């Protein structure tokens, strides 16, 4: 949790600094520092959902192809 909090502080600081340097306005810098991380958090949530679907589809394709390869190579040993 400490790492998350320190990263959030770092993110706010960078967002404020960049916006302030570009505009020269502390008000705009503060607004950007509050809005940008919030928007980024929402975007990240949806990115993770899409990414999990992608990973699950990839895993299913790998499992399907390995099962097909195994079934086509079945061998019966008779003693």
N, C-alpha and C. Protein backbone atom coordinates (compact mmCIF):
# COMPACT_ATOMS: atom_id res chain seq x y z
N UNK A 1 0.81 -1.19 0.00
CA UNK A 1 0.00 0.00 0.00
C UNK A 1 0.86 1.26 0.00
N UNK A 2 1.99 1.22 0.71
CA UNK A 2 2.89 2.37 0.74
C UNK A 2 3.40 2.70 -0.65
N UNK A 3 3.71 1.65 -1.40
CA UNK A 3 4.21 1.86 -2.76
C UNK A 3 3.15 2.55 -3.62
N UNK A 4 1.89 2.14 -3.48
CA UNK A 4 0.80 2.74 -4.25
C UNK A 4 0.63 4.22 -3.89
N UNK A 5 0.69 4.52 -2.62
CA UNK A 5 0.53 5.91 -2.17
C UNK A 5 1.68 6.78 -2.67
N UNK A 6 2.90 6.26 -2.56
CA UNK A 6 4.03 7.05 -3.03
C UNK A 6 3.98 7.23 -4.55
N UNK A 7 3.51 6.22 -5.26
CA UNK A 7 3.39 6.37 -6.71
C UNK A 7 2.33 7.41 -7.06
N UNK A 8 1.22 7.40 -6.34
CA UNK A 8 0.17 8.40 -6.57
C UNK A 8 0.70 9.81 -6.33
N UNK A 9 1.45 9.99 -5.26
CA UNK A 9 2.05 11.31 -4.99
C UNK A 9 3.00 11.72 -6.10
N UNK A 10 3.79 10.79 -6.55
CA UNK A 10 4.72 11.06 -7.65
C UNK A 10 3.95 11.43 -8.92
N UNK A 11 2.88 10.71 -9.20
CA UNK A 11 2.06 10.97 -10.38
C UNK A 11 1.45 12.37 -10.32
N UNK A 12 0.87 12.73 -9.19
CA UNK A 12 0.30 14.07 -9.02
C UNK A 12 1.37 15.15 -9.21
N UNK A 13 2.54 14.91 -8.62
CA UNK A 13 3.63 15.89 -8.72
C UNK A 13 4.09 16.07 -10.16
N UNK A 14 4.26 15.00 -10.87
CA UNK A 14 4.68 15.09 -12.28
C UNK A 14 3.62 15.78 -13.11
N UNK A 15 2.35 15.41 -12.92
CA UNK A 15 1.26 16.03 -13.69
C UNK A 15 1.22 17.53 -13.42
N UNK A 16 1.33 17.92 -12.15
CA UNK A 16 1.31 19.35 -11.80
C UNK A 16 2.50 20.07 -12.43
N UNK A 17 3.67 19.51 -12.29
CA UNK A 17 4.89 20.16 -12.79
C UNK A 17 4.85 20.36 -14.29
N UNK A 18 4.46 19.34 -15.02
CA UNK A 18 4.40 19.44 -16.48
C UNK A 18 3.37 20.49 -16.90
N UNK A 19 2.19 20.44 -16.31
CA UNK A 19 1.15 21.41 -16.67
C UNK A 19 1.56 22.83 -16.29
N UNK A 20 2.18 22.97 -15.14
CA UNK A 20 2.63 24.29 -14.70
C UNK A 20 3.71 24.84 -15.65
N UNK A 21 4.67 24.00 -16.01
CA UNK A 21 5.74 24.44 -16.90
C UNK A 21 5.19 24.81 -18.29
N UNK A 22 4.18 24.09 -18.73
CA UNK A 22 3.61 24.39 -20.06
C UNK A 22 2.74 25.64 -20.06
N UNK A 23 2.05 25.89 -18.94
CA UNK A 23 1.08 26.99 -18.92
C UNK A 23 1.51 28.17 -18.07
N UNK A 24 2.37 27.94 -17.08
CA UNK A 24 2.75 29.00 -16.17
C UNK A 24 1.68 29.30 -15.13
N UNK A 25 0.66 28.47 -15.05
CA UNK A 25 -0.46 28.70 -14.13
C UNK A 25 -0.52 27.58 -13.10
N UNK A 26 -0.47 27.98 -11.81
CA UNK A 26 -0.59 27.00 -10.74
C UNK A 26 -2.01 26.43 -10.68
N UNK A 27 -3.00 27.23 -11.04
CA UNK A 27 -4.40 26.77 -11.03
C UNK A 27 -4.60 25.68 -12.08
N UNK A 28 -4.12 25.94 -13.29
CA UNK A 28 -4.24 24.92 -14.35
C UNK A 28 -3.39 23.70 -13.99
N UNK A 29 -2.20 23.92 -13.46
CA UNK A 29 -1.36 22.80 -13.03
C UNK A 29 -2.06 21.95 -11.99
N UNK A 30 -2.71 22.61 -11.02
CA UNK A 30 -3.45 21.87 -9.99
C UNK A 30 -4.64 21.12 -10.55
N UNK A 31 -5.35 21.76 -11.48
CA UNK A 31 -6.51 21.09 -12.10
C UNK A 31 -6.07 19.86 -12.88
N UNK A 32 -5.01 20.02 -13.65
CA UNK A 32 -4.50 18.88 -14.43
C UNK A 32 -4.02 17.78 -13.49
N UNK A 33 -3.34 18.16 -12.41
CA UNK A 33 -2.82 17.18 -11.45
C UNK A 33 -3.95 16.40 -10.78
N UNK A 34 -5.13 16.98 -10.68
CA UNK A 34 -6.27 16.26 -10.09
C UNK A 34 -7.04 15.46 -11.13
N UNK A 35 -7.25 16.04 -12.31
CA UNK A 35 -8.09 15.40 -13.33
C UNK A 35 -7.36 14.28 -14.05
N UNK A 36 -6.14 14.53 -14.46
CA UNK A 36 -5.41 13.54 -15.28
C UNK A 36 -5.24 12.20 -14.57
N UNK A 37 -4.79 12.14 -13.32
CA UNK A 37 -4.68 10.84 -12.65
C UNK A 37 -6.04 10.15 -12.46
N UNK A 38 -7.08 10.91 -12.23
CA UNK A 38 -8.41 10.31 -12.07
C UNK A 38 -8.86 9.67 -13.39
N UNK A 39 -8.69 10.39 -14.48
CA UNK A 39 -9.06 9.85 -15.80
C UNK A 39 -8.19 8.64 -16.12
N UNK A 40 -6.91 8.74 -15.81
CA UNK A 40 -5.99 7.64 -16.06
C UNK A 40 -6.39 6.39 -15.30
N UNK A 41 -6.88 6.55 -14.09
CA UNK A 41 -7.32 5.42 -13.28
C UNK A 41 -8.51 4.71 -13.92
N UNK A 42 -9.46 5.46 -14.42
CA UNK A 42 -10.63 4.88 -15.09
C UNK A 42 -10.20 4.16 -16.37
N UNK A 43 -9.34 4.80 -17.14
CA UNK A 43 -8.86 4.18 -18.39
C UNK A 43 -8.11 2.89 -18.08
N UNK A 44 -7.30 2.91 -17.03
CA UNK A 44 -6.54 1.72 -16.65
C UNK A 44 -7.47 0.56 -16.28
N UNK A 45 -8.57 0.86 -15.60
CA UNK A 45 -9.54 -0.18 -15.23
C UNK A 45 -10.07 -0.90 -16.48
N UNK A 46 -10.48 -0.12 -17.48
CA UNK A 46 -10.99 -0.73 -18.71
C UNK A 46 -9.89 -1.42 -19.50
N UNK A 47 -8.70 -0.87 -19.46
CA UNK A 47 -7.56 -1.51 -20.13
C UNK A 47 -7.32 -2.90 -19.53
N UNK A 48 -7.36 -3.00 -18.21
CA UNK A 48 -7.17 -4.29 -17.54
C UNK A 48 -8.25 -5.30 -17.91
N UNK A 49 -9.49 -4.84 -18.01
CA UNK A 49 -10.58 -5.75 -18.39
C UNK A 49 -10.37 -6.30 -19.79
N UNK A 50 -10.01 -5.42 -20.73
CA UNK A 50 -9.76 -5.86 -22.11
C UNK A 50 -8.56 -6.79 -22.14
N UNK A 51 -7.52 -6.45 -21.41
CA UNK A 51 -6.30 -7.25 -21.41
C UNK A 51 -6.56 -8.65 -20.86
N UNK A 52 -7.38 -8.76 -19.80
CA UNK A 52 -7.71 -10.08 -19.24
C UNK A 52 -8.47 -10.93 -20.25
N UNK A 53 -9.37 -10.32 -21.01
CA UNK A 53 -10.09 -11.06 -22.06
C UNK A 53 -9.12 -11.55 -23.12
N UNK A 54 -8.18 -10.69 -23.50
CA UNK A 54 -7.18 -11.05 -24.49
C UNK A 54 -6.33 -12.22 -23.99
N UNK A 55 -5.88 -12.15 -22.74
CA UNK A 55 -5.06 -13.23 -22.17
C UNK A 55 -5.85 -14.53 -22.08
N UNK A 56 -7.11 -14.43 -21.71
CA UNK A 56 -7.92 -15.63 -21.59
C UNK A 56 -8.16 -16.28 -22.95
N UNK A 57 -8.38 -15.46 -23.98
CA UNK A 57 -8.55 -16.00 -25.33
C UNK A 57 -7.27 -16.65 -25.82
N UNK A 58 -6.13 -16.03 -25.54
CA UNK A 58 -4.84 -16.60 -25.94
C UNK A 58 -4.59 -17.92 -25.23
N UNK A 59 -4.91 -17.98 -23.95
CA UNK A 59 -4.72 -19.22 -23.18
C UNK A 59 -5.63 -20.32 -23.71
N UNK A 60 -6.87 -19.97 -24.07
CA UNK A 60 -7.79 -20.97 -24.63
C UNK A 60 -7.28 -21.51 -25.95
N UNK A 61 -6.72 -20.65 -26.79
CA UNK A 61 -6.18 -21.10 -28.08
C UNK A 61 -5.00 -22.04 -27.87
N UNK A 62 -4.14 -21.71 -26.91
CA UNK A 62 -2.99 -22.56 -26.63
C UNK A 62 -3.45 -23.90 -26.09
N UNK A 63 -4.42 -23.89 -25.17
CA UNK A 63 -4.94 -25.14 -24.60
C UNK A 63 -5.61 -25.99 -25.66
N UNK A 64 -6.40 -25.37 -26.54
CA UNK A 64 -7.07 -26.11 -27.60
C UNK A 64 -6.06 -26.76 -28.55
N UNK A 65 -5.04 -26.04 -28.93
CA UNK A 65 -4.07 -26.58 -29.87
C UNK A 65 -3.23 -27.67 -29.21
N UNK A 66 -2.90 -27.56 -27.93
CA UNK A 66 -2.12 -28.60 -27.26
C UNK A 66 -2.97 -29.84 -27.04
N UNK A 67 -4.26 -29.69 -26.78
CA UNK A 67 -5.14 -30.85 -26.62
C UNK A 67 -5.28 -31.58 -27.94
N UNK A 68 -5.38 -30.85 -29.04
CA UNK A 68 -5.50 -31.48 -30.35
C UNK A 68 -4.21 -32.22 -30.69
N UNK A 69 -3.08 -31.64 -30.39
CA UNK A 69 -1.80 -32.30 -30.66
C UNK A 69 -1.67 -33.55 -29.83
N UNK A 70 -2.08 -33.52 -28.57
CA UNK A 70 -1.99 -34.68 -27.70
C UNK A 70 -2.90 -35.79 -28.19
N UNK A 71 -4.14 -35.46 -28.56
CA UNK A 71 -5.06 -36.50 -28.98
C UNK A 71 -4.64 -37.12 -30.30
N UNK A 72 -3.97 -36.39 -31.15
CA UNK A 72 -3.56 -36.96 -32.42
C UNK A 72 -2.30 -37.81 -32.26
N UNK A 73 -1.61 -37.67 -31.15
CA UNK A 73 -0.39 -38.45 -30.90
C UNK A 73 -0.59 -39.54 -29.86
N UNK A 74 -1.83 -39.85 -29.54
CA UNK A 74 -2.09 -40.89 -28.54
C UNK A 74 -1.49 -42.22 -29.03
N UNK A 75 -0.87 -42.90 -28.11
CA UNK A 75 -0.31 -44.21 -28.44
C UNK A 75 -0.83 -45.22 -27.44
N UNK A 76 -1.13 -46.40 -27.92
CA UNK A 76 -1.60 -47.45 -27.04
C UNK A 76 -0.49 -48.49 -26.95
N UNK A 77 -0.08 -48.76 -25.74
CA UNK A 77 0.98 -49.77 -25.54
C UNK A 77 0.33 -51.09 -25.19
N UNK A 78 0.69 -52.09 -25.94
CA UNK A 78 0.18 -53.44 -25.69
C UNK A 78 1.36 -54.30 -25.33
N UNK A 79 1.24 -55.04 -24.23
CA UNK A 79 2.38 -55.88 -23.85
C UNK A 79 2.17 -57.31 -24.27
